[in-house]
Amino acid sequence: MQHLQFLPHYLNMPRLTSIAVNSARGYGFGAGGFKAYDIEYLVVAGGGAGWTMGGGGAGGMRVGTYSAVEPPVSNLNISIGAGGVGNSTSASNGVNSTLSGSYLTTITNIGGGRGGINSGSGGTQNGLVGGSGGGSGYQSGSPGAGTSGQGNSGGSVPSTVPAAIGGGGGGKGAVGGSYVSGGSQEMVGGIGGASSITGSSVYYAGGGGGSGEGGNGNNAGGNGGGGMGGTSGSGNGVTGTANTGGGGGGSAGAGSGSSGVGKSGGSGVIILKMPTANYTGITAGSPAVSTSGSNTILTFNGSGSYSIA
């Protein structure tokens, strides 16, 4: 958990006689002085697209807390990353999500890496690096790495495996599934990460499942919006869930008897939670507003801003 603090640079503090500590709202300078209060955040980037055969990696996910000070007037600026786009001929990484503002070090989460493609479908390309990395194509290529603190690497398939399967995309909570000789072909997307910032435990940033031959393996998307991979009986993968940062499912392609389409990753999300007593109500971008106990929660499914004071 990061803990970032920003203070007004122009603040003139004459003789400081006492510092009052308040566990619920941070700290202040005596009664009637300015008070800091905690704002929790969840930032998730867009998920990477699945390709042929690798599943897309989840968008980078981070949670943390910083102390907001009243005053000054300051906006928190929110930019939500789109999911990577997948189709029959190409696939792309997810787009970064950012949280920025005055006196705040910008928080940038990296979009998920797209999945790899196998050698029988137009040349080998590795899974790409991202918040979480994309899974490899089958028989050749390598998975993409995840970004430290944001996600995990994609899964891989050894070059000796004859079946047309691909590695699962990495998720926030685990690496993508890889083929294990003599075992089940578990090309699942990596599980995402759970957050209770909204008042209920919800998973985000699950990896997309890699492709698998029908009946031979588990190609489910990772819990947290990851799309399922395709099979020889149903070539197309499944799109990652919007506003979770889930990776798209890889498609079944050459060597499996199908010519599927890799699917797009899910878009990202940014959620802020603050004491209702401090909530200003000044927003842009139409976030969803809810409450949980004594807190107000802003869920940004699209870009916008929140004015602290």
C-alpha atoms as a PDB file:
ATOM      1  CA  MET A   1       0.000   0.000   0.000  1.00  0.00           C
ATOM      2  CA  GLN A   2       1.462   3.327  -0.990  1.00  0.00           C
ATOM      3  CA  HIS A   3       0.927   6.322   1.317  1.00  0.00           C
ATOM      4  CA  LEU A   4       1.359   9.607  -0.487  1.00  0.00           C
ATOM      5  CA  GLN A   5       0.943  13.027   1.076  1.00  0.00           C
ATOM      6  CA  PHE A   6       0.657  16.434  -0.505  1.00  0.00           C
ATOM      7  CA  LEU A   7       0.685  19.757   1.359  1.00  0.00           C
ATOM      8  CA  PRO A   8       0.155  23.360   0.203  1.00  0.00           C
ATOM      9  CA  HIS A   9       3.577  24.820  -0.501  1.00  0.00           C
ATOM     10  CA  TYR A  10       2.406  28.298   0.441  1.00  0.00           C
ATOM     11  CA  LEU A  11       1.217  27.383   3.917  1.00  0.00           C
ATOM     12  CA  ASN A  12       2.595  29.752   6.544  1.00  0.00           C
ATOM     13  CA  MET A  13       2.816  28.022   9.883  1.00  0.00           C
ATOM     14  CA  PRO A  14       3.565  30.431  12.763  1.00  0.00           C
ATOM     15  CA  ARG A  15       4.476  29.110  16.159  1.00  0.00           C
ATOM     16  CA  LEU A  16       3.209  25.563  16.212  1.00  0.00           C
ATOM     17  CA  THR A  17       2.066  24.768  19.713  1.00  0.00           C
ATOM     18  CA  SER A  18       0.381  21.391  19.263  1.00  0.00           C
ATOM     19  CA  ILE A  19      -0.296  18.679  16.722  1.00  0.00           C
ATOM     20  CA  ALA A  20      -3.587  16.868  17.163  1.00  0.00           C
ATOM     21  CA  VAL A  21      -3.647  13.244  16.027  1.00  0.00           C
ATOM     22  CA  ASN A  22      -6.856  11.721  14.718  1.00  0.00           C
ATOM     23  CA  SER A  23      -6.722   8.117  13.482  1.00  0.00           C
ATOM     24  CA  ALA A  24      -9.786   8.525  11.279  1.00  0.00           C
ATOM     25  CA  ARG A  25      -8.783  11.736   9.524  1.00  0.00           C
ATOM     26  CA  GLY A  26      -5.022  11.872   9.610  1.00  0.00           C
ATOM     27  CA  TYR A  27      -3.640  14.820  11.542  1.00  0.00           C
ATOM     28  CA  GLY A  28      -4.200  18.532  12.017  1.00  0.00           C
ATOM     29  CA  PHE A  29      -2.695  21.588  13.630  1.00  0.00           C
ATOM     30  CA  GLY A  30      -4.848  22.178  16.677  1.00  0.00           C
ATOM     31  CA  ALA A  31      -8.591  22.772  16.800  1.00  0.00           C
ATOM     32  CA  GLY A  32      -9.865  24.858  13.887  1.00  0.00           C
ATOM     33  CA  GLY A  33      -6.647  24.501  11.871  1.00  0.00           C
ATOM     34  CA  PHE A  34      -6.352  22.643   8.601  1.00  0.00           C
ATOM     35  CA  LYS A  35      -6.929  18.915   8.771  1.00  0.00           C
ATOM     36  CA  ALA A  36      -5.699  16.093   6.588  1.00  0.00           C
ATOM     37  CA  TYR A  37      -7.960  13.203   5.700  1.00  0.00           C
ATOM     38  CA  ASP A  38      -7.271   9.917   3.984  1.00  0.00           C
ATOM     39  CA  ILE A  39      -8.423   9.125   0.459  1.00  0.00           C
ATOM     40  CA  GLU A  40      -8.030   5.512  -0.556  1.00  0.00           C
ATOM     41  CA  TYR A  41      -7.576   4.677  -4.215  1.00  0.00           C
ATOM     42  CA  LEU A  42      -7.764   1.691  -6.544  1.00  0.00           C
ATOM     43  CA  VAL A  43      -6.194   2.120  -9.993  1.00  0.00           C
ATOM     44  CA  VAL A  44      -6.525  -0.531 -12.734  1.00  0.00           C
ATOM     45  CA  ALA A  45      -5.254  -0.169 -16.308  1.00  0.00           C
ATOM     46  CA  GLY A  46      -6.803  -1.630 -19.456  1.00  0.00           C
ATOM     47  CA  GLY A  47      -6.293  -5.355 -20.089  1.00  0.00           C
ATOM     48  CA  GLY A  48      -4.267  -6.660 -23.025  1.00  0.00           C
ATOM     49  CA  ALA A  49      -5.928  -8.393 -25.971  1.00  0.00           C
ATOM     50  CA  GLY A  50      -5.691 -12.139 -26.522  1.00  0.00           C
ATOM     51  CA  TRP A  51      -4.246 -13.348 -29.805  1.00  0.00           C
ATOM     52  CA  THR A  52      -3.468 -16.721 -31.389  1.00  0.00           C
ATOM     53  CA  MET A  53      -2.977 -18.577 -29.013  1.00  0.00           C
ATOM     54  CA  GLY A  54      -1.860 -16.568 -25.976  1.00  0.00           C
ATOM     55  CA  GLY A  55      -4.247 -14.927 -23.514  1.00  0.00           C
ATOM     56  CA  GLY A  56      -3.960 -11.200 -22.827  1.00  0.00           C
ATOM     57  CA  GLY A  57      -2.349 -10.001 -19.605  1.00  0.00           C
ATOM     58  CA  ALA A  58      -4.420  -8.037 -17.090  1.00  0.00           C
ATOM     59  CA  GLY A  59      -3.999  -4.305 -16.675  1.00  0.00           C
ATOM     60  CA  GLY A  60      -1.726  -3.235 -13.829  1.00  0.00           C
ATOM     61  CA  MET A  61      -3.521  -2.935 -10.469  1.00  0.00           C
ATOM     62  CA  ARG A  62      -2.484  -0.981  -7.386  1.00  0.00           C
ATOM     63  CA  VAL A  63      -4.186   0.213  -4.221  1.00  0.00           C
ATOM     64  CA  GLY A  64      -3.018   2.831  -1.767  1.00  0.00           C
ATOM     65  CA  THR A  65      -3.830   5.798   0.464  1.00  0.00           C
ATOM     66  CA  TYR A  66      -2.760   9.421   0.514  1.00  0.00           C
ATOM     67  CA  SER A  67      -3.574  12.379   2.753  1.00  0.00           C
ATOM     68  CA  ALA A  68      -5.548  15.224   1.222  1.00  0.00           C
ATOM     69  CA  VAL A  69      -5.359  18.624   2.920  1.00  0.00           C
ATOM     70  CA  GLU A  70      -8.178  21.192   3.253  1.00  0.00           C
ATOM     71  CA  PRO A  71      -7.516  23.692   1.699  1.00  0.00           C
ATOM     72  CA  PRO A  72      -6.081  24.129  -1.042  1.00  0.00           C
ATOM     73  CA  VAL A  73      -8.389  23.834  -4.021  1.00  0.00           C
ATOM     74  CA  SER A  74      -6.986  21.004  -6.075  1.00  0.00           C
ATOM     75  CA  ASN A  75      -8.275  18.526  -8.634  1.00  0.00           C
ATOM     76  CA  LEU A  76      -7.503  14.845  -8.794  1.00  0.00           C
ATOM     77  CA  ASN A  77      -7.380  13.989 -12.491  1.00  0.00           C
ATOM     78  CA  ILE A  78      -8.474  10.544 -13.615  1.00  0.00           C
ATOM     79  CA  SER A  79      -7.579   8.883 -16.936  1.00  0.00           C
ATOM     80  CA  ILE A  80      -9.012   5.420 -17.607  1.00  0.00           C
ATOM     81  CA  GLY A  81      -7.122   3.117 -19.981  1.00  0.00           C
ATOM     82  CA  ALA A  82      -8.983   1.272 -22.728  1.00  0.00           C
ATOM     83  CA  GLY A  83      -8.574  -2.452 -23.257  1.00  0.00           C
ATOM     84  CA  GLY A  84      -6.242  -3.651 -25.997  1.00  0.00           C
ATOM     85  CA  VAL A  85      -7.947  -4.500 -29.308  1.00  0.00           C
ATOM     86  CA  GLY A  86      -7.890  -8.045 -30.667  1.00  0.00           C
ATOM     87  CA  ASN A  87      -8.975  -9.396 -34.060  1.00  0.00           C
ATOM     88  CA  SER A  88      -8.003 -12.087 -36.571  1.00  0.00           C
ATOM     89  CA  THR A  89      -4.841 -10.318 -37.746  1.00  0.00           C
ATOM     90  CA  SER A  90      -3.510  -8.305 -34.804  1.00  0.00           C
ATOM     91  CA  ALA A  91      -3.702  -7.611 -31.093  1.00  0.00           C
ATOM     92  CA  SER A  92      -2.522  -4.746 -28.887  1.00  0.00           C
ATOM     93  CA  ASN A  93      -1.588  -3.948 -25.314  1.00  0.00           C
ATOM     94  CA  GLY A  94      -4.053  -2.302 -22.963  1.00  0.00           C
ATOM     95  CA  VAL A  95      -3.770   1.422 -22.286  1.00  0.00           C
ATOM     96  CA  ASN A  96      -2.341   2.901 -19.073  1.00  0.00           C
ATOM     97  CA  SER A  97      -4.581   4.388 -16.358  1.00  0.00           C
ATOM     98  CA  THR A  98      -3.348   7.413 -14.384  1.00  0.00           C
ATOM     99  CA  LEU A  99      -4.284   9.306 -11.219  1.00  0.00           C
ATOM    100  CA  SER A 100      -2.659  12.734 -10.929  1.00  0.00           C
ATOM    101  CA  GLY A 101      -3.086  16.115  -9.267  1.00  0.00           C
ATOM    102  CA  SER A 102      -1.395  19.005  -7.498  1.00  0.00           C
ATOM    103  CA  TYR A 103       1.013  17.892  -4.762  1.00  0.00           C
ATOM    104  CA  LEU A 104       0.504  14.262  -5.796  1.00  0.00           C
ATOM    105  CA  THR A 105       3.099  12.093  -7.487  1.00  0.00           C
ATOM    106  CA  THR A 106       1.323  10.735 -10.559  1.00  0.00           C
ATOM    107  CA  ILE A 107       0.237   7.115 -10.229  1.00  0.00           C
ATOM    108  CA  THR A 108       0.585   5.337 -13.573  1.00  0.00           C
ATOM    109  CA  ASN A 109      -0.542   1.748 -13.990  1.00  0.00           C
ATOM    110  CA  ILE A 110       0.608  -0.089 -17.102  1.00  0.00           C
ATOM    111  CA  GLY A 111      -1.798  -1.639 -19.601  1.00  0.00           C
ATOM    112  CA  GLY A 112      -1.790  -5.429 -19.928  1.00  0.00           C
ATOM    113  CA  GLY A 113       0.471  -7.122 -22.482  1.00  0.00           C
ATOM    114  CA  ARG A 114      -1.159  -8.714 -25.493  1.00  0.00           C
ATOM    115  CA  GLY A 115      -0.949 -12.466 -26.024  1.00  0.00           C
ATOM    116  CA  GLY A 116       1.476 -14.218 -28.371  1.00  0.00           C
ATOM    117  CA  ILE A 117       0.803 -15.792 -31.744  1.00  0.00           C
ATOM    118  CA  ASN A 118       1.845 -19.257 -32.913  1.00  0.00           C
ATOM    119  CA  SER A 119       4.190 -20.040 -35.795  1.00  0.00           C
ATOM    120  CA  GLY A 120       1.395 -21.461 -37.951  1.00  0.00           C
ATOM    121  CA  SER A 121      -0.617 -18.239 -37.984  1.00  0.00           C
ATOM    122  CA  GLY A 122       1.616 -15.738 -39.697  1.00  0.00           C
ATOM    123  CA  GLY A 123       4.854 -15.977 -37.747  1.00  0.00           C
ATOM    124  CA  THR A 124       5.853 -16.237 -34.122  1.00  0.00           C
ATOM    125  CA  GLN A 125       5.485 -13.237 -31.851  1.00  0.00           C
ATOM    126  CA  ASN A 126       6.034 -13.348 -28.108  1.00  0.00           C
ATOM    127  CA  GLY A 127       3.541 -12.307 -25.473  1.00  0.00           C
ATOM    128  CA  LEU A 128       4.276  -8.702 -24.572  1.00  0.00           C
ATOM    129  CA  VAL A 129       5.339  -7.023 -21.336  1.00  0.00           C
ATOM    130  CA  GLY A 130       2.586  -5.124 -19.491  1.00  0.00           C
ATOM    131  CA  GLY A 131       0.993  -4.531 -16.110  1.00  0.00           C
ATOM    132  CA  SER A 132       0.634  -8.295 -16.360  1.00  0.00           C
ATOM    133  CA  GLY A 133       2.272 -10.057 -19.304  1.00  0.00           C
ATOM    134  CA  GLY A 134       0.594 -11.799 -22.225  1.00  0.00           C
ATOM    135  CA  GLY A 135       0.731 -15.590 -22.592  1.00  0.00           C
ATOM    136  CA  SER A 136       2.914 -17.198 -25.264  1.00  0.00           C
ATOM    137  CA  GLY A 137       1.729 -18.805 -28.477  1.00  0.00           C
ATOM    138  CA  TYR A 138       2.142 -22.559 -28.799  1.00  0.00           C
ATOM    139  CA  GLN A 139       5.326 -24.406 -29.824  1.00  0.00           C
ATOM    140  CA  SER A 140       7.444 -21.274 -29.898  1.00  0.00           C
ATOM    141  CA  GLY A 141       7.762 -17.832 -28.408  1.00  0.00           C
ATOM    142  CA  SER A 142       7.853 -16.666 -24.826  1.00  0.00           C
ATOM    143  CA  PRO A 143       5.411 -14.987 -22.430  1.00  0.00           C
ATOM    144  CA  GLY A 144       5.521 -11.321 -21.494  1.00  0.00           C
ATOM    145  CA  ALA A 145       6.726 -10.190 -18.074  1.00  0.00           C
ATOM    146  CA  GLY A 146       4.548  -8.322 -15.590  1.00  0.00           C
ATOM    147  CA  THR A 147       5.375  -4.982 -13.938  1.00  0.00           C
ATOM    148  CA  SER A 148       6.626  -5.198 -10.353  1.00  0.00           C
ATOM    149  CA  GLY A 149       3.903  -4.329  -7.852  1.00  0.00           C
ATOM    150  CA  GLN A 150       1.201  -4.314 -10.540  1.00  0.00           C
ATOM    151  CA  GLY A 151       0.910  -7.825 -11.948  1.00  0.00           C
ATOM    152  CA  ASN A 152       2.537 -11.079 -13.047  1.00  0.00           C
ATOM    153  CA  SER A 153       4.010 -12.765 -16.097  1.00  0.00           C
ATOM    154  CA  GLY A 154       2.058 -14.729 -18.694  1.00  0.00           C
ATOM    155  CA  GLY A 155       2.189 -18.503 -19.040  1.00  0.00           C
ATOM    156  CA  SER A 156       4.190 -20.508 -21.586  1.00  0.00           C
ATOM    157  CA  VAL A 157       4.015 -23.639 -23.726  1.00  0.00           C
ATOM    158  CA  PRO A 158       7.131 -25.763 -24.461  1.00  0.00           C
ATOM    159  CA  SER A 159       8.169 -26.133 -28.090  1.00  0.00           C
ATOM    160  CA  THR A 160       7.721 -29.928 -27.838  1.00  0.00           C
ATOM    161  CA  VAL A 161       3.983 -29.768 -27.132  1.00  0.00           C
ATOM    162  CA  PRO A 162       2.060 -30.938 -30.232  1.00  0.00           C
ATOM    163  CA  ALA A 163      -1.344 -29.628 -29.155  1.00  0.00           C
ATOM    164  CA  ALA A 164      -2.522 -26.236 -30.350  1.00  0.00           C
ATOM    165  CA  ILE A 165      -2.648 -24.422 -27.018  1.00  0.00           C
ATOM    166  CA  GLY A 166      -1.376 -21.108 -25.696  1.00  0.00           C
ATOM    167  CA  GLY A 167      -0.266 -19.694 -22.382  1.00  0.00           C
ATOM    168  CA  GLY A 168      -2.672 -17.885 -20.085  1.00  0.00           C
ATOM    169  CA  GLY A 169      -2.258 -14.150 -19.531  1.00  0.00           C
ATOM    170  CA  GLY A 170      -0.872 -13.041 -16.177  1.00  0.00           C
ATOM    171  CA  GLY A 171      -3.135 -11.565 -13.488  1.00  0.00           C
ATOM    172  CA  LYS A 172      -2.614  -9.347 -10.482  1.00  0.00           C
ATOM    173  CA  GLY A 173      -2.600 -12.337  -8.106  1.00  0.00           C
ATOM    174  CA  ALA A 174      -0.816 -15.048 -10.129  1.00  0.00           C
ATOM    175  CA  VAL A 175       1.124 -15.873 -13.287  1.00  0.00           C
ATOM    176  CA  GLY A 176      -0.782 -17.192 -16.281  1.00  0.00           C
ATOM    177  CA  GLY A 177      -1.271 -20.934 -16.653  1.00  0.00           C
ATOM    178  CA  SER A 178       1.470 -22.940 -18.416  1.00  0.00           C
ATOM    179  CA  TYR A 179       1.443 -26.407 -19.924  1.00  0.00           C
ATOM    180  CA  VAL A 180       2.685 -29.128 -17.580  1.00  0.00           C
ATOM    181  CA  SER A 181       3.915 -32.331 -19.227  1.00  0.00           C
ATOM    182  CA  GLY A 182       1.825 -35.334 -18.194  1.00  0.00           C
ATOM    183  CA  GLY A 183      -0.745 -33.163 -16.484  1.00  0.00           C
ATOM    184  CA  SER A 184      -3.847 -31.290 -17.481  1.00  0.00           C
ATOM    185  CA  GLN A 185      -3.372 -28.504 -19.979  1.00  0.00           C
ATOM    186  CA  GLU A 186      -4.237 -25.691 -17.635  1.00  0.00           C
ATOM    187  CA  MET A 187      -3.942 -22.568 -19.755  1.00  0.00           C
ATOM    188  CA  VAL A 188      -6.009 -20.481 -17.341  1.00  0.00           C
ATOM    189  CA  GLY A 189      -5.571 -16.762 -16.981  1.00  0.00           C
ATOM    190  CA  GLY A 190      -3.867 -15.705 -13.760  1.00  0.00           C
ATOM    191  CA  ILE A 191      -6.234 -14.844 -10.920  1.00  0.00           C
ATOM    192  CA  GLY A 192      -6.772 -11.141 -10.268  1.00  0.00           C
ATOM    193  CA  GLY A 193      -6.555  -9.192  -7.036  1.00  0.00           C
ATOM    194  CA  ALA A 194      -9.366  -8.581  -4.529  1.00  0.00           C
ATOM    195  CA  SER A 195     -10.249  -5.140  -3.181  1.00  0.00           C
ATOM    196  CA  SER A 196     -12.930  -4.102  -0.667  1.00  0.00           C
ATOM    197  CA  ILE A 197     -12.708  -0.378  -1.436  1.00  0.00           C
ATOM    198  CA  THR A 198     -16.404  -0.313  -2.436  1.00  0.00           C
ATOM    199  CA  GLY A 199     -17.488  -2.033   0.774  1.00  0.00           C
ATOM    200  CA  SER A 200     -17.606  -5.501  -0.795  1.00  0.00           C
ATOM    201  CA  SER A 201     -14.763  -7.741  -1.904  1.00  0.00           C
ATOM    202  CA  VAL A 202     -14.431  -7.585  -5.699  1.00  0.00           C
ATOM    203  CA  TYR A 203     -11.748  -9.072  -7.964  1.00  0.00           C
ATOM    204  CA  TYR A 204     -10.083  -7.012 -10.685  1.00  0.00           C
ATOM    205  CA  ALA A 205      -7.245  -7.570 -13.176  1.00  0.00           C
ATOM    206  CA  GLY A 206      -7.673 -11.251 -14.080  1.00  0.00           C
ATOM    207  CA  GLY A 207      -5.639 -12.639 -16.990  1.00  0.00           C
ATOM    208  CA  GLY A 208      -7.181 -13.904 -20.219  1.00  0.00           C
ATOM    209  CA  GLY A 209      -7.224 -17.666 -20.770  1.00  0.00           C
ATOM    210  CA  GLY A 210      -4.970 -19.168 -23.434  1.00  0.00           C
ATOM    211  CA  SER A 211      -6.450 -21.322 -26.183  1.00  0.00           C
ATOM    212  CA  GLY A 212      -6.861 -25.079 -25.713  1.00  0.00           C
ATOM    213  CA  GLU A 213      -7.943 -28.026 -27.810  1.00  0.00           C
ATOM    214  CA  GLY A 214     -11.513 -28.993 -27.034  1.00  0.00           C
ATOM    215  CA  GLY A 215     -11.856 -31.155 -23.936  1.00  0.00           C
ATOM    216  CA  ASN A 216      -8.119 -31.225 -23.251  1.00  0.00           C
ATOM    217  CA  GLY A 217      -7.631 -28.434 -20.810  1.00  0.00           C
ATOM    218  CA  ASN A 218      -8.887 -25.621 -18.653  1.00  0.00           C
ATOM    219  CA  ASN A 219      -8.728 -22.331 -20.550  1.00  0.00           C
ATOM    220  CA  ALA A 220     -10.859 -20.200 -18.217  1.00  0.00           C
ATOM    221  CA  GLY A 221     -10.164 -16.523 -17.728  1.00  0.00           C
ATOM    222  CA  GLY A 222      -8.763 -15.473 -14.363  1.00  0.00           C
ATOM    223  CA  ASN A 223     -11.180 -14.323 -11.659  1.00  0.00           C
ATOM    224  CA  GLY A 224     -11.251 -10.552 -12.088  1.00  0.00           C
ATOM    225  CA  GLY A 225     -12.689 -10.118 -15.580  1.00  0.00           C
ATOM    226  CA  GLY A 226     -10.341 -12.296 -17.646  1.00  0.00           C
ATOM    227  CA  GLY A 227     -11.906 -13.694 -20.847  1.00  0.00           C
ATOM    228  CA  MET A 228     -11.952 -17.438 -21.582  1.00  0.00           C
ATOM    229  CA  GLY A 229      -9.683 -18.784 -24.312  1.00  0.00           C
ATOM    230  CA  GLY A 230     -11.026 -20.433 -27.464  1.00  0.00           C
ATOM    231  CA  THR A 231     -10.934 -24.145 -28.300  1.00  0.00           C
ATOM    232  CA  SER A 232     -10.898 -26.232 -31.484  1.00  0.00           C
ATOM    233  CA  GLY A 233     -14.661 -26.556 -31.140  1.00  0.00           C
ATOM    234  CA  SER A 234     -15.181 -22.832 -30.517  1.00  0.00           C
ATOM    235  CA  GLY A 235     -12.293 -20.907 -31.965  1.00  0.00           C
ATOM    236  CA  ASN A 236     -12.901 -17.432 -30.619  1.00  0.00           C
ATOM    237  CA  GLY A 237     -11.780 -16.253 -27.226  1.00  0.00           C
ATOM    238  CA  VAL A 238     -13.979 -14.143 -24.936  1.00  0.00           C
ATOM    239  CA  THR A 239     -13.584 -10.415 -24.381  1.00  0.00           C
ATOM    240  CA  GLY A 240     -12.278  -9.224 -20.989  1.00  0.00           C
ATOM    241  CA  THR A 241     -14.927  -7.659 -18.754  1.00  0.00           C
ATOM    242  CA  ALA A 242     -15.242  -3.878 -19.014  1.00  0.00           C
ATOM    243  CA  ASN A 243     -13.934  -1.783 -16.106  1.00  0.00           C
ATOM    244  CA  THR A 244     -12.032  -4.653 -14.520  1.00  0.00           C
ATOM    245  CA  GLY A 245      -8.820  -4.537 -16.547  1.00  0.00           C
ATOM    246  CA  GLY A 246      -9.289  -8.217 -17.439  1.00  0.00           C
ATOM    247  CA  GLY A 247      -7.219  -9.684 -20.282  1.00  0.00           C
ATOM    248  CA  GLY A 248      -8.890 -10.937 -23.457  1.00  0.00           C
ATOM    249  CA  GLY A 249      -9.032 -14.655 -24.234  1.00  0.00           C
ATOM    250  CA  GLY A 250      -6.684 -16.161 -26.824  1.00  0.00           C
ATOM    251  CA  SER A 251      -8.130 -17.791 -29.931  1.00  0.00           C
ATOM    252  CA  ALA A 252      -7.634 -21.267 -31.352  1.00  0.00           C
ATOM    253  CA  GLY A 253      -5.816 -21.033 -34.685  1.00  0.00           C
ATOM    254  CA  ALA A 254      -3.606 -22.994 -37.045  1.00  0.00           C
ATOM    255  CA  GLY A 255      -3.032 -26.525 -35.843  1.00  0.00           C
ATOM    256  CA  SER A 256      -6.318 -26.760 -33.938  1.00  0.00           C
ATOM    257  CA  GLY A 257      -8.735 -27.062 -36.843  1.00  0.00           C
ATOM    258  CA  SER A 258     -10.134 -23.586 -36.113  1.00  0.00           C
ATOM    259  CA  SER A 259      -9.334 -20.075 -37.189  1.00  0.00           C
ATOM    260  CA  GLY A 260     -10.509 -18.002 -34.251  1.00  0.00           C
ATOM    261  CA  VAL A 261     -10.313 -14.374 -33.282  1.00  0.00           C
ATOM    262  CA  GLY A 262      -8.390 -13.154 -30.256  1.00  0.00           C
ATOM    263  CA  LYS A 263     -10.531 -10.923 -28.097  1.00  0.00           C
ATOM    264  CA  SER A 264     -10.063  -7.446 -26.668  1.00  0.00           C
ATOM    265  CA  GLY A 265      -9.145  -6.734 -23.068  1.00  0.00           C
ATOM    266  CA  GLY A 266     -11.458  -5.031 -20.604  1.00  0.00           C
ATOM    267  CA  SER A 267     -11.144  -1.311 -19.875  1.00  0.00           C
ATOM    268  CA  GLY A 268      -9.683  -0.099 -16.589  1.00  0.00           C
ATOM    269  CA  VAL A 269     -11.231   1.635 -13.587  1.00  0.00           C
ATOM    270  CA  ILE A 270     -10.263   4.085 -10.829  1.00  0.00           C
ATOM    271  CA  ILE A 271     -12.101   4.157  -7.498  1.00  0.00           C
ATOM    272  CA  LEU A 272     -11.695   6.727  -4.709  1.00  0.00           C
ATOM    273  CA  LYS A 273     -12.989   6.391  -1.129  1.00  0.00           C
ATOM    274  CA  MET A 274     -13.085   9.229   1.390  1.00  0.00           C
ATOM    275  CA  PRO A 275     -14.932  10.220   4.580  1.00  0.00           C
ATOM    276  CA  THR A 276     -18.388  11.506   3.679  1.00  0.00           C
ATOM    277  CA  ALA A 277     -17.792  14.447   6.023  1.00  0.00           C
ATOM    278  CA  ASN A 278     -15.002  15.619   3.692  1.00  0.00           C
ATOM    279  CA  TYR A 279     -16.638  14.824   0.351  1.00  0.00           C
ATOM    280  CA  THR A 280     -17.050  18.010  -1.736  1.00  0.00           C
ATOM    281  CA  GLY A 281     -19.450  16.662  -4.380  1.00  0.00           C
ATOM    282  CA  ILE A 282     -17.514  18.449  -7.144  1.00  0.00           C
ATOM    283  CA  THR A 283     -16.756  15.966  -9.944  1.00  0.00           C
ATOM    284  CA  ALA A 284     -16.398  15.749 -13.712  1.00  0.00           C
ATOM    285  CA  GLY A 285     -16.829  12.702 -15.909  1.00  0.00           C
ATOM    286  CA  SER A 286     -19.979  11.392 -14.193  1.00  0.00           C
ATOM    287  CA  PRO A 287     -18.511   8.886 -11.745  1.00  0.00           C
ATOM    288  CA  ALA A 288     -20.875   6.538  -9.928  1.00  0.00           C
ATOM    289  CA  VAL A 289     -21.363   7.799  -6.352  1.00  0.00           C
ATOM    290  CA  SER A 290     -22.151   5.409  -3.512  1.00  0.00           C
ATOM    291  CA  THR A 291     -21.693   5.185   0.240  1.00  0.00           C
ATOM    292  CA  SER A 292     -20.440   2.520   2.605  1.00  0.00           C
ATOM    293  CA  GLY A 293     -20.687   3.260   6.313  1.00  0.00           C
ATOM    294  CA  SER A 294     -19.204   6.714   6.913  1.00  0.00           C
ATOM    295  CA  ASN A 295     -17.440   6.828   3.537  1.00  0.00           C
ATOM    296  CA  THR A 296     -18.316   8.051   0.054  1.00  0.00           C
ATOM    297  CA  ILE A 297     -17.049   6.066  -2.939  1.00  0.00           C
ATOM    298  CA  LEU A 298     -16.469   7.460  -6.442  1.00  0.00           C
ATOM    299  CA  THR A 299     -16.172   4.882  -9.233  1.00  0.00           C
ATOM    300  CA  PHE A 300     -14.726   6.287 -12.464  1.00  0.00           C
ATOM    301  CA  ASN A 301     -15.439   4.034 -15.449  1.00  0.00           C
ATOM    302  CA  GLY A 302     -14.320   6.851 -17.730  1.00  0.00           C
ATOM    303  CA  SER A 303     -11.926   9.748 -17.430  1.00  0.00           C
ATOM    304  CA  GLY A 304     -12.837  12.689 -15.198  1.00  0.00           C
ATOM    305  CA  SER A 305     -11.796  14.558 -12.060  1.00  0.00           C
ATOM    306  CA  TYR A 306     -12.602  15.191  -8.416  1.00  0.00           C
ATOM    307  CA  SER A 307     -12.139  18.564  -6.688  1.00  0.00           C
ATOM    308  CA  ILE A 308     -10.760  18.171  -3.175  1.00  0.00           C
ATOM    309  CA  ALA A 309     -11.932  21.590  -1.954  1.00  0.00           C
END
